[in-house]
Amino acid sequence: VPRSAASIERTWDGVNAVWGSGSHAVAIASHT
């Protein structure tokens, strides 16, 4: 899927210790 189809829900903003975990949620609302 193109990167433009996905959005990142930034879970760890403001928590420096886990920024690098990359564990933010990735959501695709609708894409064919």
PDB file of all heavy atoms in Angstrom:
ATOM      1  N   VAL A   1       0.861  -1.183   0.000  1.00  0.00           N
ATOM      2  CA  VAL A   1       0.000   0.000   0.000  1.00  0.00           C
ATOM      3  C   VAL A   1       0.898   1.234   0.000  1.00  0.00           C
ATOM      4  O   VAL A   1       2.001   1.207   0.556  1.00  0.00           O
ATOM      5  CB  VAL A   1      -0.939   0.041   1.227  1.00  0.00           C
ATOM      6  CG1 VAL A   1      -1.879  -1.147   1.224  1.00  0.00           C
ATOM      7  CG2 VAL A   1      -0.144   0.098   2.525  1.00  0.00           C
ATOM      8  N   PRO A   2       0.469   2.310  -0.617  1.00  0.00           N
ATOM      9  CA  PRO A   2       1.286   3.530  -0.607  1.00  0.00           C
ATOM     10  C   PRO A   2       1.334   4.128   0.785  1.00  0.00           C
ATOM     11  O   PRO A   2       0.392   3.981   1.584  1.00  0.00           O
ATOM     12  CB  PRO A   2       0.542   4.449  -1.586  1.00  0.00           C
ATOM     13  CG  PRO A   2      -0.868   3.964  -1.561  1.00  0.00           C
ATOM     14  CD  PRO A   2      -0.784   2.472  -1.381  1.00  0.00           C
ATOM     15  N   ARG A   3       2.437   4.775   1.095  1.00  0.00           N
ATOM     16  CA  ARG A   3       2.579   5.392   2.413  1.00  0.00           C
ATOM     17  C   ARG A   3       1.470   6.403   2.672  1.00  0.00           C
ATOM     18  O   ARG A   3       1.014   6.576   3.805  1.00  0.00           O
ATOM     19  CB  ARG A   3       3.946   6.086   2.512  1.00  0.00           C
ATOM     20  CG  ARG A   3       4.210   6.727   3.864  1.00  0.00           C
ATOM     21  CD  ARG A   3       5.592   7.340   3.929  1.00  0.00           C
ATOM     22  NE  ARG A   3       6.631   6.337   3.745  1.00  0.00           N
ATOM     23  CZ  ARG A   3       7.932   6.609   3.782  1.00  0.00           C
ATOM     24  NH1 ARG A   3       8.347   7.860   3.969  1.00  0.00           N
ATOM     25  NH2 ARG A   3       8.823   5.653   3.619  1.00  0.00           N
ATOM     26  N   SER A   4       0.995   7.046   1.603  1.00  0.00           N
ATOM     27  CA  SER A   4      -0.046   8.063   1.747  1.00  0.00           C
ATOM     28  C   SER A   4      -1.366   7.488   2.255  1.00  0.00           C
ATOM     29  O   SER A   4      -2.209   8.222   2.767  1.00  0.00           O
ATOM     30  CB  SER A   4      -0.282   8.777   0.415  1.00  0.00           C
ATOM     31  OG  SER A   4      -0.660   7.844  -0.589  1.00  0.00           O
ATOM     32  N   ALA A   5      -1.553   6.168   2.116  1.00  0.00           N
ATOM     33  CA  ALA A   5      -2.806   5.551   2.557  1.00  0.00           C
ATOM     34  C   ALA A   5      -2.831   5.311   4.061  1.00  0.00           C
ATOM     35  O   ALA A   5      -3.889   5.063   4.636  1.00  0.00           O
ATOM     36  CB  ALA A   5      -3.028   4.228   1.827  1.00  0.00           C
ATOM     37  N   ALA A   6      -1.670   5.369   4.695  1.00  0.00           N
ATOM     38  CA  ALA A   6      -1.578   5.065   6.124  1.00  0.00           C
ATOM     39  C   ALA A   6      -1.347   6.327   6.937  1.00  0.00           C
ATOM     40  O   ALA A   6      -0.759   7.300   6.459  1.00  0.00           O
ATOM     41  CB  ALA A   6      -0.451   4.068   6.377  1.00  0.00           C
ATOM     42  N   SER A   7      -1.823   6.302   8.151  1.00  0.00           N
ATOM     43  CA  SER A   7      -1.568   7.392   9.084  1.00  0.00           C
ATOM     44  C   SER A   7      -0.954   6.814  10.358  1.00  0.00           C
ATOM     45  O   SER A   7      -1.262   5.678  10.743  1.00  0.00           O
ATOM     46  CB  SER A   7      -2.859   8.151   9.421  1.00  0.00           C
ATOM     47  OG  SER A   7      -3.793   7.281  10.052  1.00  0.00           O
ATOM     48  N   ILE A   8      -0.080   7.576  10.977  1.00  0.00           N
ATOM     49  CA  ILE A   8       0.586   7.128  12.197  1.00  0.00           C
ATOM     50  C   ILE A   8      -0.024   7.851  13.382  1.00  0.00           C
ATOM     51  O   ILE A   8      -0.030   9.083  13.429  1.00  0.00           O
ATOM     52  CB  ILE A   8       2.098   7.379  12.126  1.00  0.00           C
ATOM     53  CG1 ILE A   8       2.709   6.578  10.972  1.00  0.00           C
ATOM     54  CG2 ILE A   8       2.770   7.016  13.441  1.00  0.00           C
ATOM     55  CD1 ILE A   8       4.188   6.817  10.774  1.00  0.00           C
ATOM     56  N   GLU A   9      -0.529   7.100  14.309  1.00  0.00           N
ATOM     57  CA  GLU A   9      -1.081   7.666  15.536  1.00  0.00           C
ATOM     58  C   GLU A   9       0.025   7.659  16.581  1.00  0.00           C
ATOM     59  O   GLU A   9       0.347   6.625  17.154  1.00  0.00           O
ATOM     60  CB  GLU A   9      -2.289   6.841  15.985  1.00  0.00           C
ATOM     61  CG  GLU A   9      -3.401   6.803  14.948  1.00  0.00           C
ATOM     62  CD  GLU A   9      -4.526   5.862  15.318  1.00  0.00           C
ATOM     63  OE1 GLU A   9      -4.457   5.257  16.421  1.00  0.00           O
ATOM     64  OE2 GLU A   9      -5.472   5.727  14.522  1.00  0.00           O
ATOM     65  N   ARG A  10       0.610   8.811  16.807  1.00  0.00           N
ATOM     66  CA  ARG A  10       1.819   8.904  17.619  1.00  0.00           C
ATOM     67  C   ARG A  10       1.494   8.644  19.084  1.00  0.00           C
ATOM     68  O   ARG A  10       0.954   9.480  19.787  1.00  0.00           O
ATOM     69  CB  ARG A  10       2.480  10.250  17.413  1.00  0.00           C
ATOM     70  CG  ARG A  10       2.856  10.519  15.941  1.00  0.00           C
ATOM     71  CD  ARG A  10       3.804  11.682  15.800  1.00  0.00           C
ATOM     72  NE  ARG A  10       5.057  11.421  16.459  1.00  0.00           N
ATOM     73  CZ  ARG A  10       6.059  10.737  15.923  1.00  0.00           C
ATOM     74  NH1 ARG A  10       5.936  10.230  14.717  1.00  0.00           N
ATOM     75  NH2 ARG A  10       7.168  10.533  16.588  1.00  0.00           N
ATOM     76  N   THR A  11       1.838   7.453  19.523  1.00  0.00           N
ATOM     77  CA  THR A  11       1.507   6.992  20.869  1.00  0.00           C
ATOM     78  C   THR A  11       2.455   7.554  21.923  1.00  0.00           C
ATOM     79  O   THR A  11       2.052   7.798  23.061  1.00  0.00           O
ATOM     80  CB  THR A  11       1.559   5.452  20.917  1.00  0.00           C
ATOM     81  OG1 THR A  11       0.804   4.933  19.825  1.00  0.00           O
ATOM     82  CG2 THR A  11       0.997   4.923  22.219  1.00  0.00           C
ATOM     83  N   TRP A  12       3.715   7.772  21.543  1.00  0.00           N
ATOM     84  CA  TRP A  12       4.739   8.049  22.546  1.00  0.00           C
ATOM     85  C   TRP A  12       5.315   9.454  22.483  1.00  0.00           C
ATOM     86  O   TRP A  12       6.414   9.698  22.979  1.00  0.00           O
ATOM     87  CB  TRP A  12       5.879   7.037  22.406  1.00  0.00           C
ATOM     88  CG  TRP A  12       5.445   5.628  22.676  1.00  0.00           C
ATOM     89  CD1 TRP A  12       5.380   4.606  21.777  1.00  0.00           C
ATOM     90  CD2 TRP A  12       5.000   5.091  23.916  1.00  0.00           C
ATOM     91  NE1 TRP A  12       4.926   3.464  22.374  1.00  0.00           N
ATOM     92  CE2 TRP A  12       4.683   3.736  23.697  1.00  0.00           C
ATOM     93  CE3 TRP A  12       4.825   5.622  25.195  1.00  0.00           C
ATOM     94  CZ2 TRP A  12       4.212   2.899  24.706  1.00  0.00           C
ATOM     95  CZ3 TRP A  12       4.351   4.787  26.203  1.00  0.00           C
ATOM     96  CH2 TRP A  12       4.052   3.449  25.953  1.00  0.00           C
ATOM     97  N   ASP A  13       4.632  10.412  21.902  1.00  0.00           N
ATOM     98  CA  ASP A  13       5.129  11.785  21.915  1.00  0.00           C
ATOM     99  C   ASP A  13       5.309  12.261  23.354  1.00  0.00           C
ATOM    100  O   ASP A  13       4.441  12.072  24.208  1.00  0.00           O
ATOM    101  CB  ASP A  13       4.140  12.715  21.204  1.00  0.00           C
ATOM    102  CG  ASP A  13       4.318  12.677  19.697  1.00  0.00           C
ATOM    103  OD1 ASP A  13       5.314  12.088  19.251  1.00  0.00           O
ATOM    104  OD2 ASP A  13       3.469  13.217  18.976  1.00  0.00           O
ATOM    105  N   GLY A  14       6.451  12.876  23.613  1.00  0.00           N
ATOM    106  CA  GLY A  14       6.715  13.383  24.951  1.00  0.00           C
ATOM    107  C   GLY A  14       7.342  12.368  25.878  1.00  0.00           C
ATOM    108  O   GLY A  14       7.647  12.683  27.031  1.00  0.00           O
ATOM    109  N   VAL A  15       7.554  11.142  25.410  1.00  0.00           N
ATOM    110  CA  VAL A  15       8.181  10.108  26.235  1.00  0.00           C
ATOM    111  C   VAL A  15       9.449   9.661  25.514  1.00  0.00           C
ATOM    112  O   VAL A  15       9.445   8.703  24.753  1.00  0.00           O
ATOM    113  CB  VAL A  15       7.224   8.912  26.455  1.00  0.00           C
ATOM    114  CG1 VAL A  15       7.816   7.937  27.476  1.00  0.00           C
ATOM    115  CG2 VAL A  15       5.861   9.395  26.927  1.00  0.00           C
ATOM    116  N   ASN A  16      10.535  10.390  25.746  1.00  0.00           N
ATOM    117  CA  ASN A  16      11.761  10.178  24.969  1.00  0.00           C
ATOM    118  C   ASN A  16      12.272   8.751  24.998  1.00  0.00           C
ATOM    119  O   ASN A  16      12.812   8.250  24.014  1.00  0.00           O
ATOM    120  CB  ASN A  16      12.868  11.113  25.474  1.00  0.00           C
ATOM    121  CG  ASN A  16      12.646  12.546  25.051  1.00  0.00           C
ATOM    122  OD1 ASN A  16      11.659  12.853  24.399  1.00  0.00           O
ATOM    123  ND2 ASN A  16      13.551  13.424  25.441  1.00  0.00           N
ATOM    124  N   ALA A  17      12.106   8.071  26.126  1.00  0.00           N
ATOM    125  CA  ALA A  17      12.728   6.759  26.285  1.00  0.00           C
ATOM    126  C   ALA A  17      12.209   5.728  25.298  1.00  0.00           C
ATOM    127  O   ALA A  17      12.885   4.745  25.022  1.00  0.00           O
ATOM    128  CB  ALA A  17      12.513   6.243  27.708  1.00  0.00           C
ATOM    129  N   VAL A  18      11.018   5.920  24.760  1.00  0.00           N
ATOM    130  CA  VAL A  18      10.482   4.915  23.848  1.00  0.00           C
ATOM    131  C   VAL A  18      10.179   5.460  22.458  1.00  0.00           C
ATOM    132  O   VAL A  18       9.532   4.803  21.659  1.00  0.00           O
ATOM    133  CB  VAL A  18       9.198   4.252  24.433  1.00  0.00           C
ATOM    134  CG1 VAL A  18       9.541   3.328  25.564  1.00  0.00           C
ATOM    135  CG2 VAL A  18       8.195   5.293  24.880  1.00  0.00           C
ATOM    136  N   TRP A  19      10.650   6.654  22.146  1.00  0.00           N
ATOM    137  CA  TRP A  19      10.490   7.157  20.771  1.00  0.00           C
ATOM    138  C   TRP A  19      11.079   6.165  19.779  1.00  0.00           C
ATOM    139  O   TRP A  19      10.506   5.874  18.744  1.00  0.00           O
ATOM    140  CB  TRP A  19      11.206   8.497  20.618  1.00  0.00           C
ATOM    141  CG  TRP A  19      10.396   9.683  21.030  1.00  0.00           C
ATOM    142  CD1 TRP A  19       9.129   9.684  21.560  1.00  0.00           C
ATOM    143  CD2 TRP A  19      10.794  11.042  20.944  1.00  0.00           C
ATOM    144  NE1 TRP A  19       8.733  10.962  21.822  1.00  0.00           N
ATOM    145  CE2 TRP A  19       9.734  11.828  21.450  1.00  0.00           C
ATOM    146  CE3 TRP A  19      11.942  11.685  20.498  1.00  0.00           C
ATOM    147  CZ2 TRP A  19       9.789  13.218  21.510  1.00  0.00           C
ATOM    148  CZ3 TRP A  19      12.002  13.055  20.568  1.00  0.00           C
ATOM    149  CH2 TRP A  19      10.926  13.816  21.072  1.00  0.00           C
ATOM    150  N   GLY A  20      12.259   5.669  20.096  1.00  0.00           N
ATOM    151  CA  GLY A  20      12.971   4.790  19.168  1.00  0.00           C
ATOM    152  C   GLY A  20      12.357   3.419  19.018  1.00  0.00           C
ATOM    153  O   GLY A  20      12.789   2.637  18.181  1.00  0.00           O
ATOM    154  N   SER A  21      11.359   3.092  19.840  1.00  0.00           N
ATOM    155  CA  SER A  21      10.736   1.774  19.704  1.00  0.00           C
ATOM    156  C   SER A  21       9.898   1.679  18.444  1.00  0.00           C
ATOM    157  O   SER A  21       9.600   0.590  17.961  1.00  0.00           O
ATOM    158  CB  SER A  21       9.852   1.476  20.926  1.00  0.00           C
ATOM    159  OG  SER A  21       8.704   2.304  20.924  1.00  0.00           O
ATOM    160  N   GLY A  22       9.493   2.830  17.902  1.00  0.00           N
ATOM    161  CA  GLY A  22       8.667   2.817  16.701  1.00  0.00           C
ATOM    162  C   GLY A  22       7.322   2.160  16.925  1.00  0.00           C
ATOM    163  O   GLY A  22       6.714   1.652  15.983  1.00  0.00           O
ATOM    164  N   SER A  23       6.867   2.135  18.166  1.00  0.00           N
ATOM    165  CA  SER A  23       5.642   1.393  18.474  1.00  0.00           C
ATOM    166  C   SER A  23       4.386   2.240  18.367  1.00  0.00           C
ATOM    167  O   SER A  23       3.377   1.953  18.999  1.00  0.00           O
ATOM    168  CB  SER A  23       5.732   0.793  19.887  1.00  0.00           C
ATOM    169  OG  SER A  23       6.004   1.795  20.854  1.00  0.00           O
ATOM    170  N   HIS A  24       4.453   3.312  17.602  1.00  0.00           N
ATOM    171  CA  HIS A  24       3.241   4.075  17.331  1.00  0.00           C
ATOM    172  C   HIS A  24       2.266   3.212  16.532  1.00  0.00           C
ATOM    173  O   HIS A  24       2.663   2.305  15.806  1.00  0.00           O
ATOM    174  CB  HIS A  24       3.575   5.342  16.526  1.00  0.00           C
ATOM    175  CG  HIS A  24       4.569   6.236  17.182  1.00  0.00           C
ATOM    176  ND1 HIS A  24       4.392   6.753  18.439  1.00  0.00           N
ATOM    177  CD2 HIS A  24       5.784   6.677  16.755  1.00  0.00           C
ATOM    178  CE1 HIS A  24       5.430   7.504  18.753  1.00  0.00           C
ATOM    179  NE2 HIS A  24       6.297   7.465  17.747  1.00  0.00           N
ATOM    180  N   ALA A  25       0.991   3.503  16.672  1.00  0.00           N
ATOM    181  CA  ALA A  25      -0.016   2.741  15.942  1.00  0.00           C
ATOM    182  C   ALA A  25      -0.088   3.219  14.488  1.00  0.00           C
ATOM    183  O   ALA A  25       0.001   4.419  14.218  1.00  0.00           O
ATOM    184  CB  ALA A  25      -1.379   2.895  16.612  1.00  0.00           C
ATOM    185  N   VAL A  26      -0.212   2.290  13.575  1.00  0.00           N
ATOM    186  CA  VAL A  26      -0.373   2.604  12.155  1.00  0.00           C
ATOM    187  C   VAL A  26      -1.791   2.209  11.739  1.00  0.00           C
ATOM    188  O   VAL A  26      -2.219   1.084  11.982  1.00  0.00           O
ATOM    189  CB  VAL A  26       0.649   1.852  11.289  1.00  0.00           C
ATOM    190  CG1 VAL A  26       0.435   2.162   9.815  1.00  0.00           C
ATOM    191  CG2 VAL A  26       2.069   2.219  11.718  1.00  0.00           C
ATOM    192  N   ALA A  27      -2.505   3.140  11.151  1.00  0.00           N
ATOM    193  CA  ALA A  27      -3.894   2.891  10.779  1.00  0.00           C
ATOM    194  C   ALA A  27      -4.116   3.154   9.295  1.00  0.00           C
ATOM    195  O   ALA A  27      -3.534   4.076   8.720  1.00  0.00           O
ATOM    196  CB  ALA A  27      -4.831   3.782  11.600  1.00  0.00           C
ATOM    197  N   ILE A  28      -4.932   2.320   8.674  1.00  0.00           N
ATOM    198  CA  ILE A  28      -5.374   2.518   7.293  1.00  0.00           C
ATOM    199  C   ILE A  28      -6.888   2.529   7.321  1.00  0.00           C
ATOM    200  O   ILE A  28      -7.532   1.487   7.508  1.00  0.00           O
ATOM    201  CB  ILE A  28      -4.857   1.407   6.359  1.00  0.00           C
ATOM    202  CG1 ILE A  28      -3.322   1.387   6.357  1.00  0.00           C
ATOM    203  CG2 ILE A  28      -5.373   1.615   4.941  1.00  0.00           C
ATOM    204  CD1 ILE A  28      -2.729   0.284   5.506  1.00  0.00           C
ATOM    205  N   ALA A  29      -7.457   3.698   7.177  1.00  0.00           N
ATOM    206  CA  ALA A  29      -8.912   3.837   7.288  1.00  0.00           C
ATOM    207  C   ALA A  29      -9.624   3.143   6.141  1.00  0.00           C
ATOM    208  O   ALA A  29     -10.579   2.389   6.343  1.00  0.00           O
ATOM    209  CB  ALA A  29      -9.296   5.319   7.334  1.00  0.00           C
ATOM    210  N   SER A  30      -9.147   3.374   4.932  1.00  0.00           N
ATOM    211  CA  SER A  30      -9.787   2.765   3.761  1.00  0.00           C
ATOM    212  C   SER A  30      -8.837   2.831   2.581  1.00  0.00           C
ATOM    213  O   SER A  30      -8.312   3.902   2.263  1.00  0.00           O
ATOM    214  CB  SER A  30     -11.103   3.498   3.423  1.00  0.00           C
ATOM    215  OG  SER A  30     -11.689   2.958   2.259  1.00  0.00           O
ATOM    216  N   HIS A  31      -8.600   1.686   1.957  1.00  0.00           N
ATOM    217  CA  HIS A  31      -7.737   1.671   0.780  1.00  0.00           C
ATOM    218  C   HIS A  31      -8.004   0.402  -0.016  1.00  0.00           C
ATOM    219  O   HIS A  31      -8.007  -0.705   0.537  1.00  0.00           O
ATOM    220  CB  HIS A  31      -6.258   1.723   1.169  1.00  0.00           C
ATOM    221  CG  HIS A  31      -5.349   1.740  -0.020  1.00  0.00           C
ATOM    222  ND1 HIS A  31      -5.188   2.852  -0.817  1.00  0.00           N
ATOM    223  CD2 HIS A  31      -4.574   0.764  -0.565  1.00  0.00           C
ATOM    224  CE1 HIS A  31      -4.338   2.574  -1.796  1.00  0.00           C
ATOM    225  NE2 HIS A  31      -3.951   1.319  -1.662  1.00  0.00           N
ATOM    226  N   THR A  32      -8.245   0.556  -1.293  1.00  0.00           N
ATOM    227  CA  THR A  32      -8.467  -0.595  -2.168  1.00  0.00           C
ATOM    228  C   THR A  32      -7.136  -1.039  -2.759  1.00  0.00           C
ATOM    229  O   THR A  32      -6.421  -0.236  -3.370  1.00  0.00           O
ATOM    230  CB  THR A  32      -9.441  -0.241  -3.308  1.00  0.00           C
ATOM    231  OG1 THR A  32     -10.694   0.170  -2.741  1.00  0.00           O
ATOM    232  CG2 THR A  32      -9.665  -1.440  -4.205  1.00  0.00           C
TER     233      THR A  32
END
